[in-house]
Amino acid sequence: MSFDNEIKIRGYHADFYGHVNNARYLEFFEEARWTGLESKVDLIAWSKKGLGFLVVNININYRKAVPVGETLLISTELVEVGNRSAVLRQEAVFKESRKVAADCLVTFVIIDKTGRAVEITGDIKKDLEKLEVSAQPA
């Protein structure tokens, strides 16, 4: 598995118990999605066409507490493309042990300038399929 992002856990990521707050994972996973998108899809061209990505559902599994000082690696891969939605699988692992700290499934749609989901066909589908191959290891 390859990884899109490396995140050093700092004090401001932690909750009262000294480990990563559950809400921070949303930020970690979002950062990795943007990194992957920006490296493989021409988002400026999409914007000019009035297209954008819209997350419609995220399900996160918290597997292991992550204390301050650890480093996480985040992977992102496209696992399913439907007619109007697609699913990414993301995983946050400890850099040293590669044990899973959290993983999630992110369902998203592609919207046009009216905010409506468009069909995932043609060039849109080709662009999304670029996300099937993750970035090089961090």
N, C-alpha and C. Protein backbone atom coordinates (compact mmCIF):
# COMPACT_ATOMS: atom_id res chain seq x y z
N MET A 1 0.85 -1.19 0.00
CA MET A 1 0.00 0.00 0.00
C MET A 1 0.89 1.24 0.00
N SER A 2 0.47 2.24 -0.72
CA SER A 2 1.22 3.50 -0.74
C SER A 2 0.41 4.58 -0.06
N PHE A 3 1.09 5.67 0.28
CA PHE A 3 0.49 6.68 1.13
C PHE A 3 0.56 8.06 0.52
N ASP A 4 -0.53 8.84 0.72
CA ASP A 4 -0.63 10.18 0.16
C ASP A 4 -0.08 11.25 1.11
N ASN A 5 -0.22 11.01 2.39
CA ASN A 5 0.15 12.03 3.37
C ASN A 5 0.84 11.42 4.58
N GLU A 6 1.70 12.23 5.18
CA GLU A 6 2.33 11.88 6.45
C GLU A 6 1.98 12.99 7.43
N ILE A 7 1.48 12.60 8.59
CA ILE A 7 1.05 13.60 9.57
C ILE A 7 1.71 13.31 10.92
N LYS A 8 2.47 14.26 11.40
CA LYS A 8 3.07 14.19 12.73
C LYS A 8 2.01 14.66 13.72
N ILE A 9 1.73 13.86 14.73
CA ILE A 9 0.69 14.20 15.70
C ILE A 9 1.26 15.18 16.72
N ARG A 10 0.61 16.31 16.81
CA ARG A 10 1.01 17.39 17.70
C ARG A 10 -0.01 17.54 18.83
N GLY A 11 0.33 18.34 19.81
CA GLY A 11 -0.54 18.54 20.96
C GLY A 11 -1.92 19.05 20.60
N TYR A 12 -2.01 19.92 19.59
CA TYR A 12 -3.32 20.47 19.23
C TYR A 12 -4.22 19.44 18.54
N HIS A 13 -3.68 18.28 18.17
CA HIS A 13 -4.50 17.20 17.62
C HIS A 13 -5.16 16.38 18.72
N ALA A 14 -4.65 16.53 19.95
CA ALA A 14 -5.04 15.64 21.05
C ALA A 14 -6.26 16.14 21.81
N ASP A 15 -6.94 15.18 22.41
CA ASP A 15 -8.06 15.50 23.30
C ASP A 15 -7.61 15.41 24.76
N PHE A 16 -8.54 15.45 25.66
CA PHE A 16 -8.28 15.40 27.10
C PHE A 16 -7.46 14.17 27.50
N TYR A 17 -7.59 13.10 26.75
CA TYR A 17 -6.93 11.83 27.08
C TYR A 17 -5.52 11.71 26.49
N GLY A 18 -5.09 12.71 25.73
CA GLY A 18 -3.74 12.71 25.19
C GLY A 18 -3.57 11.97 23.88
N HIS A 19 -4.68 11.61 23.25
CA HIS A 19 -4.56 10.98 21.94
C HIS A 19 -5.41 11.75 20.93
N VAL A 20 -5.27 11.39 19.65
CA VAL A 20 -5.94 12.13 18.58
C VAL A 20 -7.45 12.15 18.82
N ASN A 21 -8.00 13.35 18.76
CA ASN A 21 -9.44 13.53 18.89
C ASN A 21 -10.11 12.95 17.65
N ASN A 22 -11.27 12.32 17.86
CA ASN A 22 -11.95 11.66 16.74
C ASN A 22 -12.23 12.61 15.57
N ALA A 23 -12.54 13.86 15.85
CA ALA A 23 -12.87 14.81 14.78
C ALA A 23 -11.65 15.13 13.92
N ARG A 24 -10.46 15.00 14.46
CA ARG A 24 -9.24 15.30 13.69
C ARG A 24 -9.06 14.34 12.52
N TYR A 25 -9.55 13.12 12.66
CA TYR A 25 -9.41 12.16 11.57
C TYR A 25 -10.11 12.66 10.31
N LEU A 26 -11.23 13.37 10.50
CA LEU A 26 -11.90 13.95 9.34
C LEU A 26 -10.95 14.88 8.59
N GLU A 27 -10.20 15.68 9.34
CA GLU A 27 -9.24 16.61 8.73
C GLU A 27 -8.09 15.86 8.08
N PHE A 28 -7.57 14.83 8.76
CA PHE A 28 -6.46 14.06 8.20
C PHE A 28 -6.88 13.40 6.88
N PHE A 29 -8.05 12.78 6.90
CA PHE A 29 -8.53 12.11 5.69
C PHE A 29 -8.85 13.11 4.58
N GLU A 30 -9.39 14.27 4.94
CA GLU A 30 -9.68 15.28 3.93
C GLU A 30 -8.39 15.79 3.28
N GLU A 31 -7.38 16.04 4.09
CA GLU A 31 -6.09 16.51 3.55
C GLU A 31 -5.54 15.49 2.55
N ALA A 32 -5.63 14.21 2.89
CA ALA A 32 -5.12 13.18 1.98
C ALA A 32 -5.96 13.11 0.70
N ARG A 33 -7.27 13.31 0.82
CA ARG A 33 -8.10 13.32 -0.40
C ARG A 33 -7.69 14.46 -1.32
N TRP A 34 -7.49 15.65 -0.76
CA TRP A 34 -7.08 16.80 -1.58
C TRP A 34 -5.72 16.56 -2.21
N THR A 35 -4.80 15.99 -1.45
CA THR A 35 -3.47 15.69 -2.00
C THR A 35 -3.60 14.76 -3.20
N GLY A 36 -4.38 13.71 -3.05
CA GLY A 36 -4.59 12.77 -4.14
C GLY A 36 -5.27 13.40 -5.33
N LEU A 37 -6.33 14.16 -5.07
CA LEU A 37 -7.05 14.81 -6.16
C LEU A 37 -6.16 15.79 -6.91
N GLU A 38 -5.47 16.65 -6.17
CA GLU A 38 -4.63 17.66 -6.82
C GLU A 38 -3.50 17.05 -7.63
N SER A 39 -3.01 15.88 -7.21
CA SER A 39 -1.90 15.28 -7.93
C SER A 39 -2.34 14.50 -9.17
N LYS A 40 -3.62 14.16 -9.27
CA LYS A 40 -4.06 13.30 -10.36
C LYS A 40 -5.19 13.85 -11.22
N VAL A 41 -5.89 14.86 -10.74
CA VAL A 41 -7.03 15.42 -11.47
C VAL A 41 -6.81 16.91 -11.64
N ASP A 42 -7.09 17.42 -12.83
CA ASP A 42 -6.94 18.85 -13.09
C ASP A 42 -8.16 19.58 -12.52
N LEU A 43 -8.07 19.95 -11.25
CA LEU A 43 -9.20 20.57 -10.56
C LEU A 43 -9.55 21.94 -11.11
N ILE A 44 -8.56 22.64 -11.67
CA ILE A 44 -8.84 23.95 -12.27
C ILE A 44 -9.72 23.76 -13.51
N ALA A 45 -9.40 22.76 -14.31
CA ALA A 45 -10.22 22.47 -15.49
C ALA A 45 -11.63 22.05 -15.06
N TRP A 46 -11.72 21.25 -14.00
CA TRP A 46 -13.04 20.85 -13.50
C TRP A 46 -13.83 22.07 -13.05
N SER A 47 -13.16 22.98 -12.36
CA SER A 47 -13.83 24.19 -11.86
C SER A 47 -14.36 25.03 -13.02
N LYS A 48 -13.56 25.14 -14.08
CA LYS A 48 -13.99 25.90 -15.26
C LYS A 48 -15.23 25.28 -15.91
N LYS A 49 -15.37 23.97 -15.77
CA LYS A 49 -16.54 23.26 -16.30
C LYS A 49 -17.71 23.30 -15.30
N GLY A 50 -17.46 23.88 -14.12
CA GLY A 50 -18.50 23.94 -13.10
C GLY A 50 -18.66 22.66 -12.30
N LEU A 51 -17.63 21.82 -12.31
CA LEU A 51 -17.70 20.54 -11.60
C LEU A 51 -16.97 20.60 -10.27
N GLY A 52 -17.45 19.83 -9.31
CA GLY A 52 -16.79 19.76 -8.02
C GLY A 52 -17.10 18.45 -7.31
N PHE A 53 -16.30 18.14 -6.30
CA PHE A 53 -16.48 16.95 -5.49
C PHE A 53 -17.31 17.31 -4.27
N LEU A 54 -18.26 16.47 -3.91
CA LEU A 54 -19.08 16.71 -2.73
C LEU A 54 -19.20 15.41 -1.95
N VAL A 55 -18.69 15.41 -0.73
CA VAL A 55 -18.80 14.24 0.16
C VAL A 55 -20.23 14.16 0.65
N VAL A 56 -20.82 12.97 0.54
CA VAL A 56 -22.20 12.77 0.99
C VAL A 56 -22.29 11.82 2.19
N ASN A 57 -21.21 11.06 2.46
CA ASN A 57 -21.22 10.16 3.61
C ASN A 57 -19.80 9.76 3.94
N ILE A 58 -19.50 9.72 5.24
CA ILE A 58 -18.21 9.20 5.71
C ILE A 58 -18.49 8.28 6.88
N ASN A 59 -17.90 7.09 6.84
CA ASN A 59 -17.97 6.14 7.95
C ASN A 59 -16.55 5.83 8.39
N ILE A 60 -16.23 6.22 9.63
CA ILE A 60 -14.88 6.03 10.16
C ILE A 60 -14.89 4.95 11.23
N ASN A 61 -13.90 4.06 11.15
CA ASN A 61 -13.66 3.05 12.18
C ASN A 61 -12.39 3.46 12.92
N TYR A 62 -12.50 3.66 14.22
CA TYR A 62 -11.35 4.01 15.05
C TYR A 62 -10.79 2.72 15.62
N ARG A 63 -9.60 2.34 15.19
CA ARG A 63 -9.03 1.03 15.53
C ARG A 63 -8.07 1.06 16.71
N LYS A 64 -7.25 2.12 16.80
CA LYS A 64 -6.23 2.19 17.84
C LYS A 64 -5.95 3.65 18.17
N ALA A 65 -5.89 3.95 19.46
CA ALA A 65 -5.60 5.32 19.90
C ALA A 65 -4.20 5.74 19.44
N VAL A 66 -4.08 7.01 19.04
CA VAL A 66 -2.80 7.55 18.55
C VAL A 66 -2.36 8.68 19.47
N PRO A 67 -1.26 8.48 20.21
CA PRO A 67 -0.78 9.52 21.12
C PRO A 67 0.03 10.61 20.41
N VAL A 68 0.17 11.73 21.09
CA VAL A 68 1.01 12.83 20.60
C VAL A 68 2.42 12.30 20.39
N GLY A 69 3.05 12.74 19.30
CA GLY A 69 4.42 12.33 18.99
C GLY A 69 4.50 11.26 17.91
N GLU A 70 3.44 10.53 17.70
CA GLU A 70 3.42 9.50 16.66
C GLU A 70 3.30 10.15 15.29
N THR A 71 3.60 9.39 14.26
CA THR A 71 3.42 9.84 12.89
C THR A 71 2.49 8.86 12.19
N LEU A 72 1.49 9.40 11.51
CA LEU A 72 0.55 8.59 10.76
C LEU A 72 0.79 8.75 9.27
N LEU A 73 0.55 7.69 8.53
CA LEU A 73 0.56 7.71 7.08
C LEU A 73 -0.88 7.49 6.63
N ILE A 74 -1.33 8.27 5.67
CA ILE A 74 -2.71 8.19 5.20
C ILE A 74 -2.73 7.73 3.74
N SER A 75 -3.49 6.69 3.47
CA SER A 75 -3.65 6.22 2.09
C SER A 75 -5.07 6.50 1.62
N THR A 76 -5.21 6.64 0.32
CA THR A 76 -6.51 6.89 -0.29
C THR A 76 -6.59 6.10 -1.59
N GLU A 77 -7.67 5.36 -1.77
CA GLU A 77 -7.85 4.66 -3.04
C GLU A 77 -9.32 4.60 -3.42
N LEU A 78 -9.56 4.68 -4.69
CA LEU A 78 -10.91 4.56 -5.23
C LEU A 78 -11.29 3.09 -5.23
N VAL A 79 -12.45 2.76 -4.64
CA VAL A 79 -12.84 1.35 -4.56
C VAL A 79 -14.13 1.04 -5.31
N GLU A 80 -14.91 2.06 -5.64
CA GLU A 80 -16.17 1.81 -6.34
C GLU A 80 -16.61 3.06 -7.08
N VAL A 81 -17.10 2.86 -8.30
CA VAL A 81 -17.68 3.95 -9.07
C VAL A 81 -19.05 3.50 -9.55
N GLY A 82 -20.06 4.26 -9.16
CA GLY A 82 -21.43 3.98 -9.60
C GLY A 82 -21.85 4.96 -10.67
N ASN A 83 -23.15 5.04 -10.91
CA ASN A 83 -23.67 5.97 -11.91
C ASN A 83 -23.57 7.42 -11.48
N ARG A 84 -23.85 7.69 -10.20
CA ARG A 84 -23.84 9.07 -9.70
C ARG A 84 -23.02 9.26 -8.44
N SER A 85 -22.44 8.20 -7.91
CA SER A 85 -21.60 8.33 -6.72
C SER A 85 -20.42 7.37 -6.81
N ALA A 86 -19.43 7.63 -5.99
CA ALA A 86 -18.24 6.78 -5.94
C ALA A 86 -17.78 6.68 -4.49
N VAL A 87 -16.92 5.71 -4.23
CA VAL A 87 -16.46 5.46 -2.86
C VAL A 87 -14.94 5.39 -2.84
N LEU A 88 -14.37 6.12 -1.88
CA LEU A 88 -12.94 6.05 -1.58
C LEU A 88 -12.75 5.29 -0.27
N ARG A 89 -11.68 4.51 -0.20
CA ARG A 89 -11.29 3.89 1.06
C ARG A 89 -10.02 4.59 1.52
N GLN A 90 -10.01 5.01 2.78
CA GLN A 90 -8.83 5.67 3.34
C GLN A 90 -8.41 4.93 4.60
N GLU A 91 -7.10 4.97 4.84
CA GLU A 91 -6.57 4.28 6.00
C GLU A 91 -5.47 5.13 6.62
N ALA A 92 -5.49 5.24 7.94
CA ALA A 92 -4.43 5.92 8.69
C ALA A 92 -3.68 4.85 9.46
N VAL A 93 -2.37 4.72 9.18
CA VAL A 93 -1.56 3.71 9.86
C VAL A 93 -0.38 4.38 10.57
N PHE A 94 0.09 3.72 11.62
CA PHE A 94 1.29 4.18 12.30
C PHE A 94 2.48 4.02 11.35
N LYS A 95 3.31 5.04 11.25
CA LYS A 95 4.43 5.00 10.32
C LYS A 95 5.37 3.84 10.62
N GLU A 96 5.69 3.65 11.89
CA GLU A 96 6.68 2.63 12.26
C GLU A 96 6.14 1.21 12.14
N SER A 97 5.00 0.95 12.73
CA SER A 97 4.47 -0.43 12.79
C SER A 97 3.55 -0.80 11.64
N ARG A 98 3.02 0.21 10.96
CA ARG A 98 2.01 0.03 9.91
C ARG A 98 0.70 -0.55 10.44
N LYS A 99 0.51 -0.50 11.76
CA LYS A 99 -0.76 -0.92 12.34
C LYS A 99 -1.81 0.14 12.04
N VAL A 100 -3.03 -0.31 11.80
CA VAL A 100 -4.11 0.60 11.43
C VAL A 100 -4.63 1.34 12.67
N ALA A 101 -4.64 2.66 12.58
CA ALA A 101 -5.20 3.50 13.64
C ALA A 101 -6.68 3.79 13.35
N ALA A 102 -7.00 4.03 12.08
CA ALA A 102 -8.38 4.31 11.67
C ALA A 102 -8.50 4.07 10.18
N ASP A 103 -9.71 3.74 9.76
CA ASP A 103 -9.98 3.61 8.34
C ASP A 103 -11.38 4.14 8.08
N CYS A 104 -11.64 4.48 6.83
CA CYS A 104 -12.96 5.03 6.52
C CYS A 104 -13.34 4.74 5.08
N LEU A 105 -14.64 4.81 4.84
CA LEU A 105 -15.19 4.80 3.50
C LEU A 105 -15.86 6.14 3.29
N VAL A 106 -15.54 6.78 2.17
CA VAL A 106 -16.05 8.10 1.85
C VAL A 106 -16.85 8.00 0.55
N THR A 107 -18.14 8.27 0.64
CA THR A 107 -18.98 8.29 -0.55
C THR A 107 -19.11 9.74 -1.01
N PHE A 108 -18.92 9.96 -2.30
CA PHE A 108 -18.98 11.32 -2.84
C PHE A 108 -19.70 11.32 -4.18
N VAL A 109 -20.14 12.50 -4.56
CA VAL A 109 -20.73 12.72 -5.87
C VAL A 109 -19.96 13.84 -6.56
N ILE A 110 -20.13 13.92 -7.84
CA ILE A 110 -19.60 15.04 -8.62
C ILE A 110 -20.80 15.94 -8.92
N ILE A 111 -20.66 17.20 -8.57
CA ILE A 111 -21.77 18.14 -8.77
C ILE A 111 -21.44 19.13 -9.89
N ASP A 112 -22.50 19.63 -10.50
CA ASP A 112 -22.34 20.70 -11.50
C ASP A 112 -22.58 22.03 -10.81
N LYS A 113 -22.59 23.12 -11.59
CA LYS A 113 -22.73 24.45 -10.98
C LYS A 113 -24.08 24.69 -10.33
N THR A 114 -25.07 23.84 -10.61
CA THR A 114 -26.37 23.98 -9.95
C THR A 114 -26.38 23.24 -8.61
N GLY A 115 -25.32 22.46 -8.34
CA GLY A 115 -25.25 21.70 -7.10
C GLY A 115 -25.84 20.31 -7.19
N ARG A 116 -26.24 19.94 -8.40
CA ARG A 116 -26.83 18.61 -8.60
C ARG A 116 -25.75 17.59 -8.99
N ALA A 117 -25.94 16.37 -8.52
CA ALA A 117 -25.03 15.30 -8.89
C ALA A 117 -25.15 14.97 -10.37
N VAL A 118 -24.01 14.79 -11.02
CA VAL A 118 -23.99 14.44 -12.43
C VAL A 118 -23.66 12.96 -12.58
N GLU A 119 -23.95 12.42 -13.75
CA GLU A 119 -23.58 11.04 -14.02
C GLU A 119 -22.07 10.93 -14.14
N ILE A 120 -21.55 9.84 -13.62
CA ILE A 120 -20.11 9.60 -13.68
C ILE A 120 -19.82 8.76 -14.92
N THR A 121 -19.56 9.47 -16.01
CA THR A 121 -19.30 8.83 -17.30
C THR A 121 -18.18 9.59 -18.00
N GLY A 122 -17.74 9.09 -19.13
CA GLY A 122 -16.79 9.79 -19.99
C GLY A 122 -15.54 10.28 -19.27
N ASP A 123 -15.19 11.56 -19.52
CA ASP A 123 -13.97 12.14 -18.95
C ASP A 123 -14.01 12.19 -17.43
N ILE A 124 -15.17 12.38 -16.85
CA ILE A 124 -15.28 12.40 -15.39
C ILE A 124 -14.86 11.04 -14.84
N LYS A 125 -15.37 9.99 -15.42
CA LYS A 125 -15.03 8.64 -14.96
C LYS A 125 -13.54 8.36 -15.16
N LYS A 126 -13.00 8.75 -16.31
CA LYS A 126 -11.56 8.55 -16.58
C LYS A 126 -10.71 9.27 -15.53
N ASP A 127 -11.09 10.50 -15.19
CA ASP A 127 -10.34 11.24 -14.17
C ASP A 127 -10.42 10.54 -12.82
N LEU A 128 -11.60 10.10 -12.45
CA LEU A 128 -11.74 9.42 -11.16
C LEU A 128 -10.95 8.12 -11.10
N GLU A 129 -10.89 7.42 -12.21
CA GLU A 129 -10.15 6.16 -12.23
C GLU A 129 -8.65 6.36 -11.99
N LYS A 130 -8.16 7.57 -12.16
CA LYS A 130 -6.76 7.88 -11.84
C LYS A 130 -6.51 7.73 -10.34
N LEU A 131 -7.56 7.80 -9.54
CA LEU A 131 -7.42 7.67 -8.10
C LEU A 131 -7.31 6.21 -7.64
N GLU A 132 -7.46 5.27 -8.57
CA GLU A 132 -7.33 3.86 -8.21
C GLU A 132 -5.90 3.50 -7.85
N VAL A 133 -4.95 4.23 -8.39
CA VAL A 133 -3.54 3.98 -8.11
C VAL A 133 -3.08 5.07 -7.16
N SER A 134 -2.71 4.69 -5.93
CA SER A 134 -2.31 5.67 -4.92
C SER A 134 -0.98 6.31 -5.26
N ALA A 135 -0.72 7.45 -4.60
CA ALA A 135 0.53 8.17 -4.77
C ALA A 135 1.69 7.33 -4.26
N GLN A 136 2.92 7.72 -4.61
CA GLN A 136 4.10 7.02 -4.14
C GLN A 136 4.22 7.12 -2.63
N PRO A 137 4.90 6.16 -1.99
CA PRO A 137 5.03 6.19 -0.52
C PRO A 137 5.64 7.48 -0.02
N ALA A 138 5.15 7.91 1.15
CA ALA A 138 5.68 9.12 1.78
C ALA A 138 6.99 8.82 2.47
